PDB file of N, CA and C in Angstrom:
ATOM      1  N   MET A   1       0.854  -1.182   0.000  1.00  0.00           N
ATOM      2  CA  MET A   1       0.000   0.000   0.000  1.00  0.00           C
ATOM      3  C   MET A   1       0.898   1.244   0.000  1.00  0.00           C
ATOM      4  N   PRO A   2       0.664   2.175  -0.953  1.00  0.00           N
ATOM      5  CA  PRO A   2       1.519   3.366  -1.031  1.00  0.00           C
ATOM      6  C   PRO A   2       1.268   4.296   0.153  1.00  0.00           C
ATOM      7  N   THR A   3       2.313   5.001   0.521  1.00  0.00           N
ATOM      8  CA  THR A   3       2.176   5.979   1.595  1.00  0.00           C
ATOM      9  C   THR A   3       1.462   7.213   1.058  1.00  0.00           C
ATOM     10  N   VAL A   4       0.989   8.025   1.961  1.00  0.00           N
ATOM     11  CA  VAL A   4       0.339   9.274   1.554  1.00  0.00           C
ATOM     12  C   VAL A   4       1.333  10.142   0.796  1.00  0.00           C
ATOM     13  N   THR A   5       2.563  10.184   1.277  1.00  0.00           N
ATOM     14  CA  THR A   5       3.591  10.987   0.614  1.00  0.00           C
ATOM     15  C   THR A   5       3.824  10.507  -0.808  1.00  0.00           C
ATOM     16  N   ALA A   6       3.901   9.193  -0.998  1.00  0.00           N
ATOM     17  CA  ALA A   6       4.109   8.640  -2.338  1.00  0.00           C
ATOM     18  C   ALA A   6       2.918   8.943  -3.236  1.00  0.00           C
ATOM     19  N   ALA A   7       1.719   8.840  -2.690  1.00  0.00           N
ATOM     20  CA  ALA A   7       0.520   9.129  -3.475  1.00  0.00           C
ATOM     21  C   ALA A   7       0.491  10.596  -3.888  1.00  0.00           C
ATOM     22  N   LEU A   8       0.851  11.484  -2.967  1.00  0.00           N
ATOM     23  CA  LEU A   8       0.885  12.911  -3.297  1.00  0.00           C
ATOM     24  C   LEU A   8       1.956  13.214  -4.337  1.00  0.00           C
ATOM     25  N   HIS A   9       3.093  12.568  -4.213  1.00  0.00           N
ATOM     26  CA  HIS A   9       4.165  12.758  -5.190  1.00  0.00           C
ATOM     27  C   HIS A   9       3.698  12.317  -6.571  1.00  0.00           C
ATOM     28  N   ASP A  10       3.025  11.178  -6.647  1.00  0.00           N
ATOM     29  CA  ASP A  10       2.510  10.675  -7.922  1.00  0.00           C
ATOM     30  C   ASP A  10       1.469  11.631  -8.505  1.00  0.00           C
ATOM     31  N   LEU A  11       0.581  12.118  -7.664  1.00  0.00           N
ATOM     32  CA  LEU A  11      -0.445  13.063  -8.115  1.00  0.00           C
ATOM     33  C   LEU A  11       0.194  14.340  -8.643  1.00  0.00           C
ATOM     34  N   HIS A  12       1.187  14.850  -7.934  1.00  0.00           N
ATOM     35  CA  HIS A  12       1.889  16.060  -8.364  1.00  0.00           C
ATOM     36  C   HIS A  12       2.595  15.827  -9.696  1.00  0.00           C
ATOM     37  N   ALA A  13       3.240  14.684  -9.841  1.00  0.00           N
ATOM     38  CA  ALA A  13       3.954  14.372 -11.084  1.00  0.00           C
ATOM     39  C   ALA A  13       2.986  14.301 -12.259  1.00  0.00           C
ATOM     40  N   ARG A  14       1.825  13.685 -12.055  1.00  0.00           N
ATOM     41  CA  ARG A  14       0.842  13.604 -13.144  1.00  0.00           C
ATOM     42  C   ARG A  14       0.296  14.981 -13.496  1.00  0.00           C
ATOM     43  N   ALA A  15       0.048  15.808 -12.492  1.00  0.00           N
ATOM     44  CA  ALA A  15      -0.447  17.162 -12.754  1.00  0.00           C
ATOM     45  C   ALA A  15       0.598  17.968 -13.516  1.00  0.00           C
ATOM     46  N   ALA A  16       1.863  17.828 -13.135  1.00  0.00           N
ATOM     47  CA  ALA A  16       2.938  18.541 -13.831  1.00  0.00           C
ATOM     48  C   ALA A  16       3.039  18.072 -15.276  1.00  0.00           C
ATOM     49  N   ASP A  17       2.884  16.777 -15.506  1.00  0.00           N
ATOM     50  CA  ASP A  17       2.900  16.249 -16.876  1.00  0.00           C
ATOM     51  C   ASP A  17       1.752  16.836 -17.690  1.00  0.00           C
ATOM     52  N   ASP A  18       0.577  16.929 -17.076  1.00  0.00           N
ATOM     53  CA  ASP A  18      -0.580  17.508 -17.772  1.00  0.00           C
ATOM     54  C   ASP A  18      -0.294  18.948 -18.186  1.00  0.00           C
ATOM     55  N   VAL A  19       0.307  19.715 -17.295  1.00  0.00           N
ATOM     56  CA  VAL A  19       0.615  21.118 -17.599  1.00  0.00           C
ATOM     57  C   VAL A  19       1.657  21.204 -18.707  1.00  0.00           C
ATOM     58  N   ARG A  20       2.665  20.347 -18.674  1.00  0.00           N
ATOM     59  CA  ARG A  20       3.698  20.364 -19.720  1.00  0.00           C
ATOM     60  C   ARG A  20       3.117  20.076 -21.102  1.00  0.00           C
ATOM     61  N   ARG A  21       2.056  19.311 -21.162  1.00  0.00           N
ATOM     62  CA  ARG A  21       1.441  18.994 -22.454  1.00  0.00           C
ATOM     63  C   ARG A  21       0.537  20.116 -22.976  1.00  0.00           C
ATOM     64  N   MET A  22       0.256  21.099 -22.144  1.00  0.00           N
ATOM     65  CA  MET A  22      -0.607  22.211 -22.554  1.00  0.00           C
ATOM     66  C   MET A  22       0.156  23.170 -23.457  1.00  0.00           C
ATOM     67  N   SER A  23      -0.603  23.840 -24.315  1.00  0.00           N
ATOM     68  CA  SER A  23      -0.013  24.910 -25.118  1.00  0.00           C
ATOM     69  C   SER A  23       0.191  26.126 -24.213  1.00  0.00           C
ATOM     70  N   ILE A  24       0.955  27.087 -24.692  1.00  0.00           N
ATOM     71  CA  ILE A  24       1.191  28.307 -23.904  1.00  0.00           C
ATOM     72  C   ILE A  24      -0.127  29.021 -23.585  1.00  0.00           C
ATOM     73  N   PRO A  25      -1.016  29.215 -24.561  1.00  0.00           N
ATOM     74  CA  PRO A  25      -2.289  29.869 -24.218  1.00  0.00           C
ATOM     75  C   PRO A  25      -3.095  29.086 -23.170  1.00  0.00           C
ATOM     76  N   GLN A  26      -3.033  27.763 -23.226  1.00  0.00           N
ATOM     77  CA  GLN A  26      -3.739  26.960 -22.225  1.00  0.00           C
ATOM     78  C   GLN A  26      -3.119  27.142 -20.841  1.00  0.00           C
ATOM     79  N   ARG A  27      -1.800  27.251 -20.795  1.00  0.00           N
ATOM     80  CA  ARG A  27      -1.127  27.466 -19.509  1.00  0.00           C
ATOM     81  C   ARG A  27      -1.492  28.831 -18.921  1.00  0.00           C
ATOM     82  N   VAL A  28      -1.546  29.833 -19.779  1.00  0.00           N
ATOM     83  CA  VAL A  28      -1.932  31.172 -19.316  1.00  0.00           C
ATOM     84  C   VAL A  28      -3.358  31.137 -18.783  1.00  0.00           C
ATOM     85  N   GLU A  29      -4.246  30.480 -19.528  1.00  0.00           N
ATOM     86  CA  GLU A  29      -5.644  30.338 -19.099  1.00  0.00           C
ATOM     87  C   GLU A  29      -5.721  29.651 -17.734  1.00  0.00           C
ATOM     88  N   LEU A  30      -4.954  28.585 -17.558  1.00  0.00           N
ATOM     89  CA  LEU A  30      -4.934  27.869 -16.278  1.00  0.00           C
ATOM     90  C   LEU A  30      -4.436  28.782 -15.157  1.00  0.00           C
ATOM     91  N   ALA A  31      -3.363  29.503 -15.402  1.00  0.00           N
ATOM     92  CA  ALA A  31      -2.810  30.404 -14.384  1.00  0.00           C
ATOM     93  C   ALA A  31      -3.834  31.463 -13.979  1.00  0.00           C
ATOM     94  N   LEU A  32      -4.534  32.016 -14.957  1.00  0.00           N
ATOM     95  CA  LEU A  32      -5.548  33.032 -14.652  1.00  0.00           C
ATOM     96  C   LEU A  32      -6.703  32.437 -13.849  1.00  0.00           C
ATOM     97  N   ARG A  33      -7.136  31.234 -14.227  1.00  0.00           N
ATOM     98  CA  ARG A  33      -8.217  30.568 -13.485  1.00  0.00           C
ATOM     99  C   ARG A  33      -7.798  30.284 -12.041  1.00  0.00           C
ATOM    100  N   LEU A  34      -6.575  29.800 -11.871  1.00  0.00           N
ATOM    101  CA  LEU A  34      -6.095  29.504 -10.518  1.00  0.00           C
ATOM    102  C   LEU A  34      -5.973  30.781  -9.688  1.00  0.00           C
ATOM    103  N   GLY A  35      -5.533  31.856 -10.317  1.00  0.00           N
ATOM    104  CA  GLY A  35      -5.455  33.131  -9.611  1.00  0.00           C
ATOM    105  C   GLY A  35      -6.827  33.618  -9.172  1.00  0.00           C
ATOM    106  N   GLU A  36      -7.795  33.482 -10.052  1.00  0.00           N
ATOM    107  CA  GLU A  36      -9.165  33.882  -9.711  1.00  0.00           C
ATOM    108  C   GLU A  36      -9.716  33.017  -8.583  1.00  0.00           C
ATOM    109  N   ARG A  37      -9.430  31.720  -8.650  1.00  0.00           N
ATOM    110  CA  ARG A  37      -9.896  30.801  -7.606  1.00  0.00           C
ATOM    111  C   ARG A  37      -9.296  31.183  -6.253  1.00  0.00           C
ATOM    112  N   ASP A  38      -8.004  31.480  -6.253  1.00  0.00           N
ATOM    113  CA  ASP A  38      -7.341  31.832  -5.003  1.00  0.00           C
ATOM    114  C   ASP A  38      -7.816  33.177  -4.465  1.00  0.00           C
ATOM    115  N   LEU A  39      -8.044  34.137  -5.355  1.00  0.00           N
ATOM    116  CA  LEU A  39      -8.573  35.432  -4.927  1.00  0.00           C
ATOM    117  C   LEU A  39      -9.947  35.251  -4.292  1.00  0.00           C
ATOM    118  N   GLU A  40     -10.788  34.448  -4.914  1.00  0.00           N
ATOM    119  CA  GLU A  40     -12.131  34.210  -4.380  1.00  0.00           C
ATOM    120  C   GLU A  40     -12.057  33.514  -3.024  1.00  0.00           C
ATOM    121  N   SER A  41     -11.155  32.572  -2.888  1.00  0.00           N
ATOM    122  CA  SER A  41     -10.988  31.868  -1.614  1.00  0.00           C
ATOM    123  C   SER A  41     -10.546  32.841  -0.518  1.00  0.00           C
ATOM    124  N   PHE A  42      -9.572  33.687  -0.824  1.00  0.00           N
ATOM    125  CA  PHE A  42      -9.088  34.684   0.131  1.00  0.00           C
ATOM    126  C   PHE A  42     -10.206  35.653   0.492  1.00  0.00           C
ATOM    127  N   ARG A  43     -10.932  36.120  -0.525  1.00  0.00           N
ATOM    128  CA  ARG A  43     -12.023  37.066  -0.311  1.00  0.00           C
ATOM    129  C   ARG A  43     -13.083  36.471   0.613  1.00  0.00           C
ATOM    130  N   ALA A  44     -13.490  35.242   0.327  1.00  0.00           N
ATOM    131  CA  ALA A  44     -14.540  34.606   1.118  1.00  0.00           C
ATOM    132  C   ALA A  44     -14.074  34.305   2.542  1.00  0.00           C
ATOM    133  N   THR A  45     -12.851  33.848   2.681  1.00  0.00           N
ATOM    134  CA  THR A  45     -12.316  33.514   4.001  1.00  0.00           C
ATOM    135  C   THR A  45     -12.266  34.734   4.911  1.00  0.00           C
ATOM    136  N   HIS A  46     -11.929  35.883   4.340  1.00  0.00           N
ATOM    137  CA  HIS A  46     -11.764  37.103   5.132  1.00  0.00           C
ATOM    138  C   HIS A  46     -12.975  38.034   5.060  1.00  0.00           C
ATOM    139  N   HIS A  47     -14.041  37.569   4.413  1.00  0.00           N
ATOM    140  CA  HIS A  47     -15.286  38.349   4.314  1.00  0.00           C
ATOM    141  C   HIS A  47     -15.037  39.742   3.738  1.00  0.00           C
ATOM    142  N   LEU A  48     -14.355  39.770   2.588  1.00  0.00           N
ATOM    143  CA  LEU A  48     -14.008  41.028   1.936  1.00  0.00           C
ATOM    144  C   LEU A  48     -14.688  41.124   0.580  1.00  0.00           C
ATOM    145  N   ASP A  49     -14.822  42.352   0.089  1.00  0.00           N
ATOM    146  CA  ASP A  49     -15.253  42.507  -1.293  1.00  0.00           C
ATOM    147  C   ASP A  49     -14.031  42.262  -2.185  1.00  0.00           C
ATOM    148  N   ARG A  50     -14.279  42.044  -3.458  1.00  0.00           N
ATOM    149  CA  ARG A  50     -13.216  41.672  -4.396  1.00  0.00           C
ATOM    150  C   ARG A  50     -12.096  42.720  -4.462  1.00  0.00           C
ATOM    151  N   ALA A  51     -12.462  43.993  -4.554  1.00  0.00           N
ATOM    152  CA  ALA A  51     -11.461  45.058  -4.681  1.00  0.00           C
ATOM    153  C   ALA A  51     -10.569  45.132  -3.441  1.00  0.00           C
ATOM    154  N   THR A  52     -11.159  45.001  -2.271  1.00  0.00           N
ATOM    155  CA  THR A  52     -10.374  45.049  -1.036  1.00  0.00           C
ATOM    156  C   THR A  52      -9.442  43.847  -0.947  1.00  0.00           C
ATOM    157  N   ALA A  53      -9.934  42.682  -1.311  1.00  0.00           N
ATOM    158  CA  ALA A  53      -9.101  41.475  -1.284  1.00  0.00           C
ATOM    159  C   ALA A  53      -7.906  41.629  -2.216  1.00  0.00           C
ATOM    160  N   ARG A  54      -8.133  42.134  -3.416  1.00  0.00           N
ATOM    161  CA  ARG A  54      -7.026  42.338  -4.367  1.00  0.00           C
ATOM    162  C   ARG A  54      -6.008  43.330  -3.820  1.00  0.00           C
ATOM    163  N   ARG A  55      -6.507  44.409  -3.243  1.00  0.00           N
ATOM    164  CA  ARG A  55      -5.630  45.443  -2.699  1.00  0.00           C
ATOM    165  C   ARG A  55      -4.768  44.878  -1.560  1.00  0.00           C
ATOM    166  N   LEU A  56      -5.385  44.103  -0.665  1.00  0.00           N
ATOM    167  CA  LEU A  56      -4.632  43.522   0.448  1.00  0.00           C
ATOM    168  C   LEU A  56      -3.577  42.534  -0.045  1.00  0.00           C
ATOM    169  N   LEU A  57      -3.933  41.706  -1.011  1.00  0.00           N
ATOM    170  CA  LEU A  57      -2.960  40.754  -1.552  1.00  0.00           C
ATOM    171  C   LEU A  57      -1.811  41.477  -2.245  1.00  0.00           C
ATOM    172  N   GLU A  58      -2.120  42.544  -2.959  1.00  0.00           N
ATOM    173  CA  GLU A  58      -1.065  43.320  -3.629  1.00  0.00           C
ATOM    174  C   GLU A  58      -0.132  43.954  -2.596  1.00  0.00           C
ATOM    175  N   ARG A  59      -0.686  44.487  -1.524  1.00  0.00           N
ATOM    176  CA  ARG A  59       0.144  45.074  -0.462  1.00  0.00           C
ATOM    177  C   ARG A  59       1.048  44.022   0.163  1.00  0.00           C
ATOM    178  N   ARG A  60       0.503  42.841   0.409  1.00  0.00           N
ATOM    179  CA  ARG A  60       1.315  41.762   0.986  1.00  0.00           C
ATOM    180  C   ARG A  60       2.451  41.382   0.042  1.00  0.00           C
ATOM    181  N   LYS A  61       2.136  41.320  -1.234  1.00  0.00           N
ATOM    182  CA  LYS A  61       3.164  40.962  -2.217  1.00  0.00           C
ATOM    183  C   LYS A  61       4.268  42.013  -2.231  1.00  0.00           C
ATOM    184  N   GLN A  62       3.885  43.284  -2.228  1.00  0.00           N
ATOM    185  CA  GLN A  62       4.875  44.359  -2.252  1.00  0.00           C
ATOM    186  C   GLN A  62       5.705  44.381  -0.969  1.00  0.00           C
ATOM    187  N   ALA A  63       5.086  44.083   0.154  1.00  0.00           N
ATOM    188  CA  ALA A  63       5.788  44.123   1.438  1.00  0.00           C
ATOM    189  C   ALA A  63       6.860  43.043   1.542  1.00  0.00           C
ATOM    190  N   THR A  64       6.701  41.955   0.816  1.00  0.00           N
ATOM    191  CA  THR A  64       7.664  40.849   0.909  1.00  0.00           C
ATOM    192  C   THR A  64       8.720  40.884  -0.189  1.00  0.00           C
ATOM    193  N   ARG A  65       8.669  41.874  -1.052  1.00  0.00           N
ATOM    194  CA  ARG A  65       9.666  41.958  -2.130  1.00  0.00           C
ATOM    195  C   ARG A  65      11.026  42.336  -1.575  1.00  0.00           C
ATOM    196  N   GLN A  66      12.049  41.778  -2.163  1.00  0.00           N
ATOM    197  CA  GLN A  66      13.423  42.108  -1.784  1.00  0.00           C
ATOM    198  C   GLN A  66      13.836  43.383  -2.518  1.00  0.00           C
ATOM    199  N   PRO A  67      14.493  44.299  -1.833  1.00  0.00           N
ATOM    200  CA  PRO A  67      14.985  45.493  -2.521  1.00  0.00           C
ATOM    201  C   PRO A  67      15.987  45.097  -3.613  1.00  0.00           C
ATOM    202  N   SER A  68      15.979  45.826  -4.688  1.00  0.00           N
ATOM    203  CA  SER A  68      16.878  45.554  -5.801  1.00  0.00           C
ATOM    204  C   SER A  68      18.161  46.365  -5.640  1.00  0.00           C
ATOM    205  N   ALA A  69      19.271  45.669  -5.413  1.00  0.00           N
ATOM    206  CA  ALA A  69      20.562  46.353  -5.285  1.00  0.00           C
ATOM    207  C   ALA A  69      20.917  47.050  -6.590  1.00  0.00           C
ATOM    208  N   CYS A  70      20.609  46.417  -7.705  1.00  0.00           N
ATOM    209  CA  CYS A  70      20.894  46.999  -9.018  1.00  0.00           C
ATOM    210  C   CYS A  70      20.124  48.309  -9.191  1.00  0.00           C
ATOM    211  N   LEU A  71      18.844  48.283  -8.873  1.00  0.00           N
ATOM    212  CA  LEU A  71      18.022  49.482  -9.003  1.00  0.00           C
ATOM    213  C   LEU A  71      18.495  50.569  -8.043  1.00  0.00           C
ATOM    214  N   ASP A  72      18.871  50.185  -6.839  1.00  0.00           N
ATOM    215  CA  ASP A  72      19.401  51.168  -5.882  1.00  0.00           C
ATOM    216  C   ASP A  72      20.643  51.859  -6.432  1.00  0.00           C
ATOM    217  N   ARG A  73      21.524  51.089  -7.075  1.00  0.00           N
ATOM    218  CA  ARG A  73      22.739  51.683  -7.651  1.00  0.00           C
ATOM    219  C   ARG A  73      22.393  52.622  -8.804  1.00  0.00           C
ATOM    220  N   LEU A  74      21.408  52.249  -9.608  1.00  0.00           N
ATOM    221  CA  LEU A  74      21.029  53.085 -10.746  1.00  0.00           C
ATOM    222  C   LEU A  74      20.376  54.386 -10.298  1.00  0.00           C
ATOM    223  N   ILE A  75      19.508  54.296  -9.311  1.00  0.00           N
ATOM    224  CA  ILE A  75      18.773  55.470  -8.846  1.00  0.00           C
ATOM    225  C   ILE A  75      19.633  56.321  -7.921  1.00  0.00           C
ATOM    226  N   GLY A  76      20.464  55.666  -7.139  1.00  0.00           N
ATOM    227  CA  GLY A  76      21.350  56.413  -6.239  1.00  0.00           C
ATOM    228  C   GLY A  76      20.939  56.272  -4.860  1.00  0.00           C
TER     229      GLY A  76
END
């Protein structure tokens, strides 16, 4: 009997194979659908309207970005 870890690894490998067989437009479509699904999940979990949820996620993303040493050197 396979372990849960082995089963998850197999499931992940099959999903990755499915994505590799997709065309670029299909991959973009999938990425957009997954983003919408995750936004809706976040919105519903936190009882927010769509615009507020997007704004909060964008702020979180910006807050975790690493400063660019290259950009700092260019700007001064």
